[in-house]
C-alpha atoms as a PDB file:
ATOM      1  CA  MET A   1       0.000   0.000   0.000  1.00  0.00           C
ATOM      2  CA  PHE A   2       1.160   3.530  -0.901  1.00  0.00           C
ATOM      3  CA  ARG A   3       4.127   2.174  -2.885  1.00  0.00           C
ATOM      4  CA  SER A   4       2.809   3.981  -5.979  1.00  0.00           C
ATOM      5  CA  THR A   5       2.924   7.147  -3.892  1.00  0.00           C
ATOM      6  CA  LEU A   6       6.662   6.755  -3.370  1.00  0.00           C
ATOM      7  CA  LEU A   7       7.120   6.137  -7.087  1.00  0.00           C
ATOM      8  CA  TYR A   8       5.254   9.344  -7.909  1.00  0.00           C
ATOM      9  CA  LEU A   9       7.272  11.345  -5.374  1.00  0.00           C
ATOM     10  CA  GLY A  10      10.490   9.871  -6.761  1.00  0.00           C
ATOM     11  CA  ILE A  11       9.652  10.918 -10.303  1.00  0.00           C
ATOM     12  CA  PHE A  12       8.744  14.434  -9.243  1.00  0.00           C
ATOM     13  CA  THR A  13      11.896  14.713  -7.103  1.00  0.00           C
ATOM     14  CA  LEU A  14      13.858  14.660 -10.367  1.00  0.00           C
ATOM     15  CA  PHE A  15      12.663  18.229 -10.952  1.00  0.00           C
ATOM     16  CA  ILE A  16      14.496  19.348  -7.811  1.00  0.00           C
ATOM     17  CA  SER A  17      17.628  17.654  -9.153  1.00  0.00           C
ATOM     18  CA  ILE A  18      17.236  19.526 -12.434  1.00  0.00           C
ATOM     19  CA  PHE A  19      16.867  22.892 -10.719  1.00  0.00           C
ATOM     20  CA  SER A  20      19.835  22.099  -8.456  1.00  0.00           C
ATOM     21  CA  LEU A  21      21.925  21.454 -11.560  1.00  0.00           C
ATOM     22  CA  LEU A  22      20.639  24.678 -13.113  1.00  0.00           C
ATOM     23  CA  ASN A  23      21.804  26.626 -10.060  1.00  0.00           C
ATOM     24  CA  ILE A  24      25.210  24.937 -10.146  1.00  0.00           C
ATOM     25  CA  LEU A  25      25.685  25.916 -13.784  1.00  0.00           C
ATOM     26  CA  PHE A  26      24.572  29.469 -13.013  1.00  0.00           C
ATOM     27  CA  CYS A  27      27.009  29.689 -10.088  1.00  0.00           C
ATOM     28  CA  TYR A  28      29.918  28.549 -12.237  1.00  0.00           C
ATOM     29  CA  TYR A  29      29.043  30.733 -15.208  1.00  0.00           C
ATOM     30  CA  PHE A  30      28.684  33.938 -13.167  1.00  0.00           C
ATOM     31  CA  SER A  31      31.273  33.005 -10.508  1.00  0.00           C
ATOM     32  CA  PHE A  32      28.776  32.897  -7.621  1.00  0.00           C
ATOM     33  CA  LEU A  33      30.721  30.201  -5.796  1.00  0.00           C
ATOM     34  CA  LEU A  34      29.818  31.161  -2.227  1.00  0.00           C
ATOM     35  CA  ASN A  35      26.961  28.665  -1.792  1.00  0.00           C
ATOM     36  CA  ILE A  36      27.678  26.283  -4.650  1.00  0.00           C
ATOM     37  CA  LYS A  37      28.383  23.326  -2.328  1.00  0.00           C
ATOM     38  CA  VAL A  38      24.841  23.644  -1.014  1.00  0.00           C
ATOM     39  CA  TYR A  39      23.366  23.062  -4.475  1.00  0.00           C
ATOM     40  CA  PHE A  40      25.695  20.114  -5.042  1.00  0.00           C
ATOM     41  CA  GLY A  41      24.440  18.620  -1.798  1.00  0.00           C
ATOM     42  CA  CYS A  42      20.828  19.183  -2.793  1.00  0.00           C
ATOM     43  CA  LEU A  43      21.512  17.656  -6.222  1.00  0.00           C
ATOM     44  CA  PHE A  44      23.045  14.474  -4.822  1.00  0.00           C
ATOM     45  CA  LEU A  45      20.406  14.091  -2.094  1.00  0.00           C
ATOM     46  CA  SER A  46      17.453  14.595  -4.437  1.00  0.00           C
ATOM     47  CA  LEU A  47      18.983  12.227  -7.006  1.00  0.00           C
ATOM     48  CA  LEU A  48      19.593   9.586  -4.346  1.00  0.00           C
ATOM     49  CA  ILE A  49      16.033   9.813  -3.033  1.00  0.00           C
ATOM     50  CA  SER A  50      14.633   9.801  -6.550  1.00  0.00           C
ATOM     51  CA  VAL A  51      16.617   6.717  -7.590  1.00  0.00           C
ATOM     52  CA  ILE A  52      15.645   4.842  -4.426  1.00  0.00           C
ATOM     53  CA  PHE A  53      11.952   5.699  -4.714  1.00  0.00           C
ATOM     54  CA  ILE A  54      11.798   4.848  -8.424  1.00  0.00           C
ATOM     55  CA  PHE A  55      14.013   1.737  -8.421  1.00  0.00           C
ATOM     56  CA  PHE A  56      12.305  -0.001  -5.507  1.00  0.00           C
ATOM     57  CA  ASN A  57       8.784   0.896  -6.601  1.00  0.00           C
ATOM     58  CA  LYS A  58       8.863   0.844 -10.408  1.00  0.00           C
ATOM     59  CA  GLN A  59       6.870  -2.411 -10.448  1.00  0.00           C
ATOM     60  CA  TYR A  60       3.929  -0.441  -9.042  1.00  0.00           C
ATOM     61  CA  LEU A  61       3.676   1.818 -12.088  1.00  0.00           C
ATOM     62  CA  ASN A  62       0.632  -0.083 -13.354  1.00  0.00           C
ATOM     63  CA  GLN A  63      -0.966  -0.609  -9.957  1.00  0.00           C
ATOM     64  CA  LYS A  64      -4.286   1.110  -9.370  1.00  0.00           C
ATOM     65  CA  ILE A  65      -4.286   3.873  -6.759  1.00  0.00           C
ATOM     66  CA  ASN A  66      -7.545   4.661  -4.994  1.00  0.00           C
ATOM     67  CA  PHE A  67      -8.946   7.956  -3.780  1.00  0.00           C
ATOM     68  CA  PHE A  68      -7.352   7.813  -0.330  1.00  0.00           C
ATOM     69  CA  GLU A  69      -3.921   6.968  -1.734  1.00  0.00           C
ATOM     70  CA  LYS A  70      -4.147   9.937  -4.076  1.00  0.00           C
ATOM     71  CA  LEU A  71      -5.232  12.195  -1.227  1.00  0.00           C
ATOM     72  CA  PHE A  72      -2.332  10.926   0.873  1.00  0.00           C
ATOM     73  CA  LEU A  73       0.053  11.509  -2.035  1.00  0.00           C
ATOM     74  CA  ILE A  74      -1.048  15.111  -2.552  1.00  0.00           C
ATOM     75  CA  ILE A  75      -0.860  16.014   1.145  1.00  0.00           C
ATOM     76  CA  VAL A  76       2.545  14.372   1.667  1.00  0.00           C
ATOM     77  CA  GLY A  77       3.937  16.154  -1.403  1.00  0.00           C
ATOM     78  CA  PHE A  78       3.142  19.585   0.006  1.00  0.00           C
ATOM     79  CA  PHE A  79       5.244  18.756   3.084  1.00  0.00           C
ATOM     80  CA  TYR A  80       7.940  16.615   1.472  1.00  0.00           C
ATOM     81  CA  PHE A  81       9.029  18.850  -1.411  1.00  0.00           C
ATOM     82  CA  PRO A  82       9.423  22.034   0.689  1.00  0.00           C
ATOM     83  CA  LEU A  83      11.637  19.976   2.996  1.00  0.00           C
ATOM     84  CA  LEU A  84      14.080  19.368   0.130  1.00  0.00           C
ATOM     85  CA  ILE A  85      13.701  22.922  -1.149  1.00  0.00           C
ATOM     86  CA  SER A  86      14.573  24.324   2.296  1.00  0.00           C
ATOM     87  CA  ILE A  87      18.104  22.839   2.201  1.00  0.00           C
ATOM     88  CA  PRO A  88      19.793  25.717   0.296  1.00  0.00           C
ATOM     89  CA  TYR A  89      18.182  28.262   2.637  1.00  0.00           C
ATOM     90  CA  TYR A  90      19.222  26.396   5.772  1.00  0.00           C
ATOM     91  CA  LEU A  91      22.815  25.733   4.657  1.00  0.00           C
ATOM     92  CA  SER A  92      23.381  29.149   3.067  1.00  0.00           C
ATOM     93  CA  VAL A  93      25.703  31.808   4.458  1.00  0.00           C
ATOM     94  CA  TYR A  94      22.714  33.831   5.657  1.00  0.00           C
ATOM     95  CA  GLY A  95      22.404  31.809   8.874  1.00  0.00           C
ATOM     96  CA  ILE A  96      18.717  31.012   8.425  1.00  0.00           C
ATOM     97  CA  ASN A  97      17.322  28.607  11.019  1.00  0.00           C
ATOM     98  CA  PHE A  98      15.388  25.504   9.996  1.00  0.00           C
ATOM     99  CA  ILE A  99      11.920  26.889  10.780  1.00  0.00           C
ATOM    100  CA  ASP A 100      12.496  30.010   8.684  1.00  0.00           C
ATOM    101  CA  SER A 101      14.066  27.937   5.913  1.00  0.00           C
ATOM    102  CA  TYR A 102      11.087  25.606   5.822  1.00  0.00           C
ATOM    103  CA  PHE A 103       8.686  28.548   5.910  1.00  0.00           C
ATOM    104  CA  GLU A 104      10.478  30.134   2.955  1.00  0.00           C
ATOM    105  CA  ALA A 105      10.375  26.847   1.063  1.00  0.00           C
ATOM    106  CA  ILE A 106       6.664  26.339   1.711  1.00  0.00           C
ATOM    107  CA  SER A 107       5.943  29.937   0.761  1.00  0.00           C
ATOM    108  CA  GLY A 108       7.777  29.466  -2.524  1.00  0.00           C
ATOM    109  CA  PHE A 109       6.294  26.061  -3.296  1.00  0.00           C
ATOM    110  CA  THR A 110       2.748  27.247  -2.627  1.00  0.00           C
ATOM    111  CA  SER A 111       3.382  30.585  -4.433  1.00  0.00           C
ATOM    112  CA  THR A 112       2.006  32.670  -1.578  1.00  0.00           C
ATOM    113  CA  GLY A 113       4.716  35.313  -1.947  1.00  0.00           C
ATOM    114  CA  PHE A 114       5.475  35.628   1.779  1.00  0.00           C
ATOM    115  CA  THR A 115       9.166  35.757   2.664  1.00  0.00           C
ATOM    116  CA  ILE A 116      11.453  35.965   5.682  1.00  0.00           C
ATOM    117  CA  PHE A 117      13.805  38.323   3.830  1.00  0.00           C
ATOM    118  CA  GLU A 118      13.352  41.997   4.642  1.00  0.00           C
ATOM    119  CA  ASN A 119      15.098  43.100   1.452  1.00  0.00           C
ATOM    120  CA  THR A 120      15.304  40.758  -1.533  1.00  0.00           C
ATOM    121  CA  LYS A 121      18.151  42.871  -2.975  1.00  0.00           C
ATOM    122  CA  ASP A 122      20.392  41.396  -0.291  1.00  0.00           C
ATOM    123  CA  ILE A 123      19.889  37.845  -1.601  1.00  0.00           C
ATOM    124  CA  ASP A 124      22.435  36.431  -4.023  1.00  0.00           C
ATOM    125  CA  GLU A 125      21.115  35.702  -7.509  1.00  0.00           C
ATOM    126  CA  PRO A 126      21.447  31.889  -7.343  1.00  0.00           C
ATOM    127  CA  LEU A 127      19.184  31.850  -4.282  1.00  0.00           C
ATOM    128  CA  LEU A 128      16.701  34.079  -6.084  1.00  0.00           C
ATOM    129  CA  ILE A 129      16.683  31.575  -8.940  1.00  0.00           C
ATOM    130  CA  TRP A 130      16.152  28.802  -6.413  1.00  0.00           C
ATOM    131  CA  ARG A 131      13.178  30.704  -4.957  1.00  0.00           C
ATOM    132  CA  SER A 132      11.546  31.305  -8.330  1.00  0.00           C
ATOM    133  CA  SER A 133      12.269  27.713  -9.399  1.00  0.00           C
ATOM    134  CA  SER A 134      10.502  26.412  -6.306  1.00  0.00           C
ATOM    135  CA  GLN A 135       7.482  28.552  -7.186  1.00  0.00           C
ATOM    136  CA  TRP A 136       7.474  27.185 -10.727  1.00  0.00           C
ATOM    137  CA  LEU A 137       7.715  23.639  -9.407  1.00  0.00           C
ATOM    138  CA  GLY A 138       4.936  24.248  -6.888  1.00  0.00           C
ATOM    139  CA  GLY A 139       2.657  25.538  -9.630  1.00  0.00           C
ATOM    140  CA  LEU A 140       3.312  22.441 -11.716  1.00  0.00           C
ATOM    141  CA  TYR A 141       2.741  20.149  -8.738  1.00  0.00           C
ATOM    142  CA  PHE A 142      -0.562  21.870  -8.027  1.00  0.00           C
ATOM    143  CA  LEU A 143      -1.719  21.258 -11.603  1.00  0.00           C
ATOM    144  CA  TYR A 144      -0.628  17.635 -11.446  1.00  0.00           C
ATOM    145  CA  SER A 145      -2.307  17.165  -8.071  1.00  0.00           C
ATOM    146  CA  LEU A 146      -5.532  18.704  -9.319  1.00  0.00           C
ATOM    147  CA  PHE A 147      -5.491  16.469 -12.358  1.00  0.00           C
ATOM    148  CA  LEU A 148      -4.771  13.376 -10.260  1.00  0.00           C
ATOM    149  CA  PHE A 149      -7.335  14.245  -7.590  1.00  0.00           C
ATOM    150  CA  THR A 150     -10.189  14.837 -10.020  1.00  0.00           C
ATOM    151  CA  ALA A 151      -9.529  11.446 -11.621  1.00  0.00           C
ATOM    152  CA  SER A 152     -11.841   9.852  -9.084  1.00  0.00           C
ATOM    153  CA  SER A 153     -15.470   8.851  -8.910  1.00  0.00           C
ATOM    154  CA  LYS A 154     -15.659  10.417  -5.427  1.00  0.00           C
ATOM    155  CA  VAL A 155     -15.099  13.895  -6.897  1.00  0.00           C
ATOM    156  CA  LYS A 156     -18.059  15.162  -8.894  1.00  0.00           C
ATOM    157  CA  ILE A 157     -16.050  16.651 -11.740  1.00  0.00           C
ATOM    158  CA  LYS A 158     -16.258  15.194 -15.220  1.00  0.00           C
ATOM    159  CA  ASN A 159     -12.872  13.837 -16.221  1.00  0.00           C
ATOM    160  CA  ILE A 160     -11.218  11.370 -18.538  1.00  0.00           C
ATOM    161  CA  TYR A 161     -10.417   8.785 -15.895  1.00  0.00           C
ATOM    162  CA  SER A 162     -13.502   8.546 -13.675  1.00  0.00           C
ATOM    163  CA  ASN A 163     -13.005   5.014 -12.422  1.00  0.00           C
ATOM    164  CA  PHE A 164     -14.111   3.552  -9.112  1.00  0.00           C
ATOM    165  CA  GLU A 165     -11.066   1.311  -8.824  1.00  0.00           C
ATOM    166  CA  GLY A 166      -8.821   4.298  -9.319  1.00  0.00           C
ATOM    167  CA  VAL A 167      -6.134   4.938 -11.932  1.00  0.00           C
ATOM    168  CA  ASN A 168      -2.511   4.021 -12.324  1.00  0.00           C
ATOM    169  CA  LEU A 169       0.353   6.352 -13.119  1.00  0.00           C
ATOM    170  CA  SER A 170       1.026   4.835 -16.518  1.00  0.00           C
ATOM    171  CA  GLU A 171      -2.526   5.709 -17.629  1.00  0.00           C
ATOM    172  CA  ILE A 172      -2.101   9.408 -16.951  1.00  0.00           C
ATOM    173  CA  LYS A 173       1.535   9.897 -17.969  1.00  0.00           C
ATOM    174  CA  ASN A 174       0.555  11.147 -21.442  1.00  0.00           C
ATOM    175  CA  GLN A 175      -1.729  13.761 -19.923  1.00  0.00           C
ATOM    176  CA  TYR A 176       0.989  14.753 -17.467  1.00  0.00           C
ATOM    177  CA  THR A 177       3.396  15.151 -20.363  1.00  0.00           C
ATOM    178  CA  LYS A 178       0.948  17.450 -22.152  1.00  0.00           C
ATOM    179  CA  VAL A 179       0.527  19.562 -19.009  1.00  0.00           C
ATOM    180  CA  LEU A 180       4.306  19.821 -18.619  1.00  0.00           C
ATOM    181  CA  ILE A 181       4.788  20.886 -22.248  1.00  0.00           C
ATOM    182  CA  ILE A 182       2.065  23.549 -22.042  1.00  0.00           C
ATOM    183  CA  TYR A 183       3.405  24.804 -18.701  1.00  0.00           C
ATOM    184  CA  PHE A 184       6.951  24.985 -20.042  1.00  0.00           C
ATOM    185  CA  LEU A 185       5.971  26.693 -23.298  1.00  0.00           C
ATOM    186  CA  THR A 186       3.876  29.250 -21.396  1.00  0.00           C
ATOM    187  CA  THR A 187       6.876  30.018 -19.190  1.00  0.00           C
ATOM    188  CA  PHE A 188       9.120  30.379 -22.223  1.00  0.00           C
ATOM    189  CA  LEU A 189       6.629  32.695 -23.954  1.00  0.00           C
ATOM    190  CA  VAL A 190       6.402  34.936 -20.885  1.00  0.00           C
ATOM    191  CA  PHE A 191      10.202  34.947 -20.657  1.00  0.00           C
ATOM    192  CA  VAL A 192      10.524  36.045 -24.289  1.00  0.00           C
ATOM    193  CA  LEU A 193       7.951  38.813 -23.819  1.00  0.00           C
ATOM    194  CA  PHE A 194       9.723  40.139 -20.721  1.00  0.00           C
ATOM    195  CA  THR A 195      13.090  40.058 -22.483  1.00  0.00           C
ATOM    196  CA  TYR A 196      11.699  41.775 -25.575  1.00  0.00           C
ATOM    197  CA  SER A 197      10.224  44.550 -23.400  1.00  0.00           C
ATOM    198  CA  GLY A 198      13.694  45.520 -22.182  1.00  0.00           C
ATOM    199  CA  ILE A 199      13.815  43.818 -18.793  1.00  0.00           C
ATOM    200  CA  ARG A 200      17.168  42.342 -17.798  1.00  0.00           C
ATOM    201  CA  LEU A 201      17.670  38.706 -18.791  1.00  0.00           C
ATOM    202  CA  PHE A 202      18.019  37.534 -15.194  1.00  0.00           C
ATOM    203  CA  GLU A 203      14.903  39.405 -14.080  1.00  0.00           C
ATOM    204  CA  SER A 204      12.989  38.131 -17.098  1.00  0.00           C
ATOM    205  CA  PHE A 205      13.767  34.575 -16.095  1.00  0.00           C
ATOM    206  CA  ASN A 206      12.758  35.105 -12.465  1.00  0.00           C
ATOM    207  CA  LEU A 207       9.592  36.978 -13.337  1.00  0.00           C
ATOM    208  CA  SER A 208       8.511  34.397 -15.900  1.00  0.00           C
ATOM    209  CA  MET A 209       8.931  31.602 -13.346  1.00  0.00           C
ATOM    210  CA  THR A 210       6.988  33.476 -10.667  1.00  0.00           C
ATOM    211  CA  LEU A 211       4.286  34.826 -12.961  1.00  0.00           C
ATOM    212  CA  VAL A 212       3.399  31.445 -14.432  1.00  0.00           C
ATOM    213  CA  SER A 213       3.140  29.991 -10.923  1.00  0.00           C
ATOM    214  CA  SER A 214       0.905  32.951  -9.940  1.00  0.00           C
ATOM    215  CA  GLY A 215       2.918  34.635  -7.216  1.00  0.00           C
ATOM    216  CA  GLY A 216       6.227  35.537  -5.581  1.00  0.00           C
ATOM    217  CA  PHE A 217       8.762  38.285  -5.127  1.00  0.00           C
ATOM    218  CA  TYR A 218      11.491  39.713  -7.293  1.00  0.00           C
ATOM    219  CA  SER A 219      14.492  41.989  -6.974  1.00  0.00           C
ATOM    220  CA  ILE A 220      14.234  45.684  -7.795  1.00  0.00           C
ATOM    221  CA  LYS A 221      16.525  46.215 -10.794  1.00  0.00           C
ATOM    222  CA  PHE A 222      14.293  45.728 -13.782  1.00  0.00           C
ATOM    223  CA  PHE A 223      15.547  47.486 -16.863  1.00  0.00           C
ATOM    224  CA  LYS A 224      18.862  47.367 -18.676  1.00  0.00           C
END
């Protein structure tokens, strides 16, 4: 029971690995090496968890998951992913305690826009990217969760997979792929529009990530 949940969490954890790698590349390219070890640590940890969850539960890809398993999966995800996202805040040079780090991670993941930082201009750019990336990821997870949750006969919303026995992850992977493509292309379009309007490349990237996920903060320097 709930083994499909671990498989789902493992697959989605790969996104945190991708964003960790993105931050590492950004740190090297712009010589922001102060906190780079933190992103390496987050990369290795998220990859390890992802491999373990996927490898030991891949046989459950075609197993049906019922309404309560899906509800459990969605709730756990909103606590589990911010825990991984909080690592760069907690281990950064800013001396942020665990509670504040977790609060910042949850705020980013849920796109509420609240922050523990009094002045976002004092945050280094890699951490700003991490914040906006967590918002983007939270927005995607919300869409996936909504899609998964409504695929149930207990929810009175017409959907493709209304099935009393539940659905399996392999049945909805094509729909998930479509959602990911649309979400990514929308982000890219917003990024291009911001860049074309004269906003700095870095700010365009951050704003596109936060805007698509419907909330967040940004630094002050907008225009070139």
